[in-house]
Amino acid sequence: NKKAFVELLFWKSPAAVREMTEGYGSLQEGEGASRRRGPPWTPQEEQELRELYWKYKEVEGEDVIAAILARLPGPRRTRRQVVKQLVRL
């Protein structure tokens, strides 16, 4: 890679360095940073998340995120994914 010196000027994750050394596109599906990402949020899931948040945000003595996770339909989401999506919304 003749332009690797430019790549070295910026901070890299171990997955990005591996891809640089082994060739771009060498990471298999499910490796590196993409492994940690869940499936993308659909508009219906986003709407359901908004509704659940507004429903449970005022409940005293209950963890809002735990209540949302228990009632959120679709693929299983982690607590971190739900919090990140709520912040984004």
C-alpha atoms as a PDB file:
ATOM      1  CA  ASN A   1       0.000   0.000   0.000  1.00  0.00           C
ATOM      2  CA  LYS A   2       1.851   3.060  -1.257  1.00  0.00           C
ATOM      3  CA  LYS A   3      -0.349   5.459   0.701  1.00  0.00           C
ATOM      4  CA  ALA A   4      -0.013   3.762   4.086  1.00  0.00           C
ATOM      5  CA  PHE A   5       2.031   6.665   5.426  1.00  0.00           C
ATOM      6  CA  VAL A   6      -1.073   8.875   5.173  1.00  0.00           C
ATOM      7  CA  GLU A   7      -3.126   6.258   7.002  1.00  0.00           C
ATOM      8  CA  LEU A   8      -0.582   6.229   9.819  1.00  0.00           C
ATOM      9  CA  LEU A   9      -1.252   9.891  10.599  1.00  0.00           C
ATOM     10  CA  PHE A  10      -4.638   9.044  12.102  1.00  0.00           C
ATOM     11  CA  TRP A  11      -5.619   6.923  15.099  1.00  0.00           C
ATOM     12  CA  LYS A  12      -6.689   3.395  14.145  1.00  0.00           C
ATOM     13  CA  SER A  13      -8.531   0.609  15.895  1.00  0.00           C
ATOM     14  CA  PRO A  14      -6.992  -2.870  15.826  1.00  0.00           C
ATOM     15  CA  ALA A  15      -9.601  -3.931  13.258  1.00  0.00           C
ATOM     16  CA  ALA A  16      -8.687  -1.020  10.961  1.00  0.00           C
ATOM     17  CA  VAL A  17      -4.962  -1.815  11.244  1.00  0.00           C
ATOM     18  CA  ARG A  18      -5.634  -5.444  10.415  1.00  0.00           C
ATOM     19  CA  GLU A  19      -7.634  -4.388   7.380  1.00  0.00           C
ATOM     20  CA  MET A  20      -4.806  -2.056   6.268  1.00  0.00           C
ATOM     21  CA  THR A  21      -2.172  -4.771   6.546  1.00  0.00           C
ATOM     22  CA  GLU A  22      -4.218  -7.598   5.035  1.00  0.00           C
ATOM     23  CA  GLY A  23      -5.944  -5.525   2.374  1.00  0.00           C
ATOM     24  CA  TYR A  24      -9.097  -3.493   2.383  1.00  0.00           C
ATOM     25  CA  GLY A  25     -12.248  -5.565   2.493  1.00  0.00           C
ATOM     26  CA  SER A  26     -10.424  -8.457   4.193  1.00  0.00           C
ATOM     27  CA  LEU A  27     -12.568  -8.388   7.331  1.00  0.00           C
ATOM     28  CA  GLN A  28     -15.225 -11.051   7.244  1.00  0.00           C
ATOM     29  CA  GLU A  29     -18.845 -10.324   8.149  1.00  0.00           C
ATOM     30  CA  GLY A  30     -19.195 -10.118  11.927  1.00  0.00           C
ATOM     31  CA  GLU A  31     -15.610  -9.033  12.601  1.00  0.00           C
ATOM     32  CA  GLY A  32     -14.295  -5.731  13.853  1.00  0.00           C
ATOM     33  CA  ALA A  33     -16.553  -2.811  14.722  1.00  0.00           C
ATOM     34  CA  SER A  34     -19.495  -4.080  12.678  1.00  0.00           C
ATOM     35  CA  ARG A  35     -19.836  -7.069  15.006  1.00  0.00           C
ATOM     36  CA  ARG A  36     -20.859  -4.800  17.862  1.00  0.00           C
ATOM     37  CA  ARG A  37     -23.562  -3.000  15.928  1.00  0.00           C
ATOM     38  CA  GLY A  38     -27.038  -4.370  16.039  1.00  0.00           C
ATOM     39  CA  PRO A  39     -29.506  -4.389  13.204  1.00  0.00           C
ATOM     40  CA  PRO A  40     -30.511  -0.926  12.007  1.00  0.00           C
ATOM     41  CA  TRP A  41     -33.548   0.707  13.590  1.00  0.00           C
ATOM     42  CA  THR A  42     -36.630   0.751  11.392  1.00  0.00           C
ATOM     43  CA  PRO A  43     -38.997   3.745  11.464  1.00  0.00           C
ATOM     44  CA  GLN A  44     -41.607   1.558  13.200  1.00  0.00           C
ATOM     45  CA  GLU A  45     -39.115   0.569  15.915  1.00  0.00           C
ATOM     46  CA  GLU A  46     -38.112   4.205  16.389  1.00  0.00           C
ATOM     47  CA  GLN A  47     -41.765   5.203  16.783  1.00  0.00           C
ATOM     48  CA  GLU A  48     -42.355   2.392  19.283  1.00  0.00           C
ATOM     49  CA  LEU A  49     -39.234   3.464  21.202  1.00  0.00           C
ATOM     50  CA  ARG A  50     -40.509   7.056  21.383  1.00  0.00           C
ATOM     51  CA  GLU A  51     -43.913   5.915  22.613  1.00  0.00           C
ATOM     52  CA  LEU A  52     -42.429   3.621  25.256  1.00  0.00           C
ATOM     53  CA  TYR A  53     -40.078   6.364  26.441  1.00  0.00           C
ATOM     54  CA  TRP A  54     -42.886   8.889  26.871  1.00  0.00           C
ATOM     55  CA  LYS A  55     -45.009   6.254  28.610  1.00  0.00           C
ATOM     56  CA  TYR A  56     -42.377   5.186  31.165  1.00  0.00           C
ATOM     57  CA  LYS A  57     -40.267   8.298  31.715  1.00  0.00           C
ATOM     58  CA  GLU A  58     -42.472   9.578  34.538  1.00  0.00           C
ATOM     59  CA  VAL A  59     -42.902   6.271  36.407  1.00  0.00           C
ATOM     60  CA  GLU A  60     -41.470   6.571  39.909  1.00  0.00           C
ATOM     61  CA  GLY A  61     -39.094   3.885  41.169  1.00  0.00           C
ATOM     62  CA  GLU A  62     -38.718   2.097  37.843  1.00  0.00           C
ATOM     63  CA  ASP A  63     -35.735   2.032  35.509  1.00  0.00           C
ATOM     64  CA  VAL A  64     -36.985   3.568  32.248  1.00  0.00           C
ATOM     65  CA  ILE A  65     -34.550   1.663  30.027  1.00  0.00           C
ATOM     66  CA  ALA A  66     -35.332  -1.670  31.710  1.00  0.00           C
ATOM     67  CA  ALA A  67     -39.069  -1.044  31.181  1.00  0.00           C
ATOM     68  CA  ILE A  68     -38.469  -0.206  27.514  1.00  0.00           C
ATOM     69  CA  LEU A  69     -36.280  -3.277  26.960  1.00  0.00           C
ATOM     70  CA  ALA A  70     -38.935  -5.552  28.463  1.00  0.00           C
ATOM     71  CA  ARG A  71     -41.610  -4.232  26.106  1.00  0.00           C
ATOM     72  CA  LEU A  72     -39.677  -3.429  22.939  1.00  0.00           C
ATOM     73  CA  PRO A  73     -40.751  -5.682  20.047  1.00  0.00           C
ATOM     74  CA  GLY A  74     -38.473  -6.864  17.271  1.00  0.00           C
ATOM     75  CA  PRO A  75     -34.863  -8.028  17.537  1.00  0.00           C
ATOM     76  CA  ARG A  76     -33.296  -8.102  20.979  1.00  0.00           C
ATOM     77  CA  ARG A  77     -31.489  -4.855  21.708  1.00  0.00           C
ATOM     78  CA  THR A  78     -28.880  -4.165  24.332  1.00  0.00           C
ATOM     79  CA  ARG A  79     -29.283  -1.470  26.936  1.00  0.00           C
ATOM     80  CA  ARG A  80     -26.512   0.509  25.260  1.00  0.00           C
ATOM     81  CA  GLN A  81     -28.221   0.348  21.845  1.00  0.00           C
ATOM     82  CA  VAL A  82     -31.490   1.626  23.307  1.00  0.00           C
ATOM     83  CA  VAL A  83     -29.812   4.471  25.181  1.00  0.00           C
ATOM     84  CA  LYS A  84     -27.786   5.467  22.130  1.00  0.00           C
ATOM     85  CA  GLN A  85     -30.887   5.473  19.928  1.00  0.00           C
ATOM     86  CA  LEU A  86     -32.856   7.531  22.478  1.00  0.00           C
ATOM     87  CA  VAL A  87     -30.075  10.109  22.575  1.00  0.00           C
ATOM     88  CA  ARG A  88     -29.995  10.190  18.782  1.00  0.00           C
ATOM     89  CA  LEU A  89     -33.765  10.696  18.619  1.00  0.00           C
END
